[in-house]
Amino acid sequence: MSDESEKPVAKVAPLRKAVPCPICRRPSAREHYPFCSDRCRNVDLNRWLSGSYAIPVADDETKADEDDV
């Protein structure tokens, strides 16, 4: 009878592959993806708002010469 009362456990595949948190490298959490916690999410937001993240721009001197003419 004990076999009948035990229900089989359903295996659910995760929606996304678990990746390390970009801030602290711990495994990411589903509710804070791709971060592991709300703290790491806020740290990343602060870095964006303070200008720590920037896309490097290469100055192209040929365009500057054309603008002067």
N, C-alpha and C. Protein backbone atom coordinates (compact mmCIF):
# COMPACT_ATOMS: atom_id res chain seq x y z
N MET A 1 0.81 -1.20 0.00
CA MET A 1 0.00 0.00 0.00
C MET A 1 0.85 1.26 0.00
N SER A 2 2.03 1.19 0.54
CA SER A 2 2.86 2.39 0.59
C SER A 2 3.26 2.83 -0.81
N ASP A 3 3.36 1.89 -1.74
CA ASP A 3 3.71 2.26 -3.11
C ASP A 3 2.61 3.07 -3.78
N GLU A 4 1.37 2.79 -3.47
CA GLU A 4 0.24 3.50 -4.08
C GLU A 4 0.08 4.90 -3.51
N SER A 5 0.41 5.12 -2.24
CA SER A 5 0.23 6.44 -1.63
C SER A 5 1.33 7.42 -2.05
N GLU A 6 2.47 6.93 -2.49
CA GLU A 6 3.54 7.81 -2.95
C GLU A 6 3.26 8.25 -4.38
N LYS A 7 3.21 9.55 -4.57
CA LYS A 7 2.96 10.08 -5.91
C LYS A 7 4.28 10.30 -6.62
N PRO A 8 4.32 10.05 -7.91
CA PRO A 8 5.56 10.30 -8.64
C PRO A 8 5.85 11.80 -8.70
N VAL A 9 7.11 12.13 -8.61
CA VAL A 9 7.53 13.53 -8.65
C VAL A 9 7.73 13.93 -10.10
N ALA A 10 7.07 15.02 -10.49
CA ALA A 10 7.21 15.51 -11.86
C ALA A 10 8.50 16.31 -11.97
N LYS A 11 9.21 16.07 -13.04
CA LYS A 11 10.43 16.82 -13.28
C LYS A 11 10.11 17.93 -14.27
N VAL A 12 10.39 19.15 -13.84
CA VAL A 12 10.13 20.32 -14.67
C VAL A 12 11.46 20.90 -15.11
N ALA A 13 11.60 21.06 -16.40
CA ALA A 13 12.84 21.64 -16.93
C ALA A 13 12.85 23.14 -16.67
N PRO A 14 13.98 23.70 -16.27
CA PRO A 14 14.05 25.15 -16.04
C PRO A 14 13.86 25.91 -17.36
N LEU A 15 13.29 27.10 -17.25
CA LEU A 15 13.05 27.90 -18.44
C LEU A 15 14.34 28.45 -19.03
N ARG A 16 15.27 28.80 -18.16
CA ARG A 16 16.55 29.34 -18.59
C ARG A 16 17.68 28.57 -17.93
N LYS A 17 18.79 28.55 -18.60
CA LYS A 17 19.97 27.92 -18.03
C LYS A 17 20.47 28.80 -16.88
N ALA A 18 20.83 28.18 -15.78
CA ALA A 18 21.36 28.93 -14.64
C ALA A 18 22.74 29.45 -15.00
N VAL A 19 22.91 30.74 -14.88
CA VAL A 19 24.19 31.37 -15.17
C VAL A 19 24.69 32.04 -13.89
N PRO A 20 25.99 32.26 -13.79
CA PRO A 20 26.49 32.94 -12.60
C PRO A 20 26.07 34.41 -12.59
N CYS A 21 25.84 34.92 -11.42
CA CYS A 21 25.48 36.33 -11.24
C CYS A 21 26.64 37.19 -11.76
N PRO A 22 26.37 38.21 -12.59
CA PRO A 22 27.46 39.03 -13.11
C PRO A 22 28.16 39.88 -12.05
N ILE A 23 27.56 40.03 -10.89
CA ILE A 23 28.16 40.84 -9.83
C ILE A 23 29.01 39.99 -8.89
N CYS A 24 28.44 38.91 -8.33
CA CYS A 24 29.15 38.13 -7.31
C CYS A 24 29.49 36.70 -7.75
N ARG A 25 29.07 36.28 -8.92
CA ARG A 25 29.35 34.97 -9.50
C ARG A 25 28.64 33.80 -8.82
N ARG A 26 27.68 34.05 -7.92
CA ARG A 26 26.88 32.96 -7.35
C ARG A 26 25.83 32.56 -8.38
N PRO A 27 25.22 31.38 -8.26
CA PRO A 27 24.18 30.98 -9.23
C PRO A 27 23.01 31.96 -9.22
N SER A 28 22.48 32.25 -10.39
CA SER A 28 21.38 33.20 -10.50
C SER A 28 20.09 32.60 -9.94
N ALA A 29 19.19 33.47 -9.51
CA ALA A 29 17.88 33.05 -8.99
C ALA A 29 16.82 33.42 -10.01
N ARG A 30 15.81 32.61 -10.10
CA ARG A 30 14.76 32.81 -11.10
C ARG A 30 14.07 34.16 -10.96
N GLU A 31 13.78 34.58 -9.75
CA GLU A 31 13.05 35.84 -9.54
C GLU A 31 13.90 37.08 -9.73
N HIS A 32 15.24 36.92 -9.79
CA HIS A 32 16.13 38.07 -9.95
C HIS A 32 17.01 37.92 -11.19
N TYR A 33 16.65 37.04 -12.10
CA TYR A 33 17.49 36.69 -13.26
C TYR A 33 17.98 37.92 -13.99
N PRO A 34 19.19 38.04 -14.37
CA PRO A 34 20.32 37.12 -14.27
C PRO A 34 21.11 37.26 -12.98
N PHE A 35 20.57 37.96 -12.01
CA PHE A 35 21.27 38.18 -10.74
C PHE A 35 20.85 37.14 -9.71
N CYS A 36 21.60 37.05 -8.61
CA CYS A 36 21.28 36.08 -7.57
C CYS A 36 20.36 36.66 -6.50
N SER A 37 20.34 37.99 -6.39
CA SER A 37 19.55 38.61 -5.33
C SER A 37 19.17 40.03 -5.74
N ASP A 38 18.30 40.62 -4.95
CA ASP A 38 17.89 42.00 -5.19
C ASP A 38 19.06 42.95 -4.95
N ARG A 39 19.93 42.60 -4.03
CA ARG A 39 21.11 43.43 -3.75
C ARG A 39 21.99 43.55 -4.98
N CYS A 40 22.30 42.42 -5.62
CA CYS A 40 23.14 42.45 -6.81
C CYS A 40 22.46 43.19 -7.95
N ARG A 41 21.16 43.06 -8.06
CA ARG A 41 20.41 43.80 -9.08
C ARG A 41 20.56 45.31 -8.85
N ASN A 42 20.47 45.74 -7.59
CA ASN A 42 20.59 47.16 -7.27
C ASN A 42 22.03 47.67 -7.47
N VAL A 43 23.01 46.83 -7.19
CA VAL A 43 24.40 47.21 -7.43
C VAL A 43 24.61 47.48 -8.92
N ASP A 44 24.07 46.61 -9.77
CA ASP A 44 24.20 46.78 -11.21
C ASP A 44 23.48 48.04 -11.68
N LEU A 45 22.29 48.28 -11.16
CA LEU A 45 21.55 49.49 -11.53
C LEU A 45 22.32 50.74 -11.13
N ASN A 46 22.91 50.72 -9.94
CA ASN A 46 23.71 51.87 -9.49
C ASN A 46 24.90 52.12 -10.41
N ARG A 47 25.52 51.05 -10.88
CA ARG A 47 26.65 51.21 -11.80
C ARG A 47 26.21 51.85 -13.11
N TRP A 48 25.04 51.46 -13.61
CA TRP A 48 24.52 52.08 -14.84
C TRP A 48 24.20 53.56 -14.61
N LEU A 49 23.54 53.86 -13.50
CA LEU A 49 23.12 55.23 -13.24
C LEU A 49 24.29 56.16 -12.92
N SER A 50 25.35 55.62 -12.33
CA SER A 50 26.50 56.46 -12.00
C SER A 50 27.46 56.62 -13.17
N GLY A 51 27.25 55.90 -14.25
CA GLY A 51 28.09 56.03 -15.43
C GLY A 51 29.31 55.14 -15.41
N SER A 52 29.35 54.14 -14.53
CA SER A 52 30.49 53.22 -14.48
C SER A 52 30.57 52.36 -15.73
N TYR A 53 29.41 52.04 -16.29
CA TYR A 53 29.38 51.27 -17.53
C TYR A 53 29.34 52.27 -18.68
N ALA A 54 30.26 52.12 -19.60
CA ALA A 54 30.30 53.01 -20.76
C ALA A 54 30.79 52.23 -21.96
N ILE A 55 30.28 52.57 -23.10
CA ILE A 55 30.71 51.95 -24.34
C ILE A 55 31.88 52.76 -24.87
N PRO A 56 33.02 52.14 -25.08
CA PRO A 56 34.18 52.91 -25.56
C PRO A 56 33.94 53.39 -26.98
N VAL A 57 34.37 54.61 -27.23
CA VAL A 57 34.22 55.21 -28.55
C VAL A 57 35.61 55.47 -29.10
N ALA A 58 35.85 54.95 -30.29
CA ALA A 58 37.13 55.19 -30.95
C ALA A 58 36.98 56.43 -31.82
N ASP A 59 37.83 57.41 -31.59
CA ASP A 59 37.79 58.62 -32.41
C ASP A 59 38.36 58.30 -33.78
N ASP A 60 37.58 58.60 -34.78
CA ASP A 60 38.01 58.38 -36.15
C ASP A 60 38.48 59.70 -36.71
N GLU A 61 39.78 59.85 -36.90
CA GLU A 61 40.35 61.13 -37.32
C GLU A 61 39.96 61.50 -38.74
N THR A 62 39.64 60.54 -39.57
CA THR A 62 39.28 60.86 -40.95
C THR A 62 37.96 61.62 -40.98
N LYS A 63 37.02 61.28 -40.12
CA LYS A 63 35.75 62.01 -40.07
C LYS A 63 35.96 63.41 -39.53
N ALA A 64 36.85 63.58 -38.57
CA ALA A 64 37.11 64.90 -38.01
C ALA A 64 37.72 65.81 -39.07
N ASP A 65 38.60 65.28 -39.91
CA ASP A 65 39.20 66.08 -40.98
C ASP A 65 38.16 66.50 -42.01
N GLU A 66 37.22 65.64 -42.31
CA GLU A 66 36.18 65.95 -43.30
C GLU A 66 35.24 67.04 -42.78
N ASP A 67 34.98 67.07 -41.47
CA ASP A 67 34.09 68.06 -40.90
C ASP A 67 34.70 69.45 -40.92
N ASP A 68 36.02 69.54 -40.84
CA ASP A 68 36.69 70.84 -40.82
C ASP A 68 36.68 71.52 -42.18
N VAL A 69 36.54 70.78 -43.25
CA VAL A 69 36.61 71.34 -44.61
C VAL A 69 35.39 72.09 -44.97
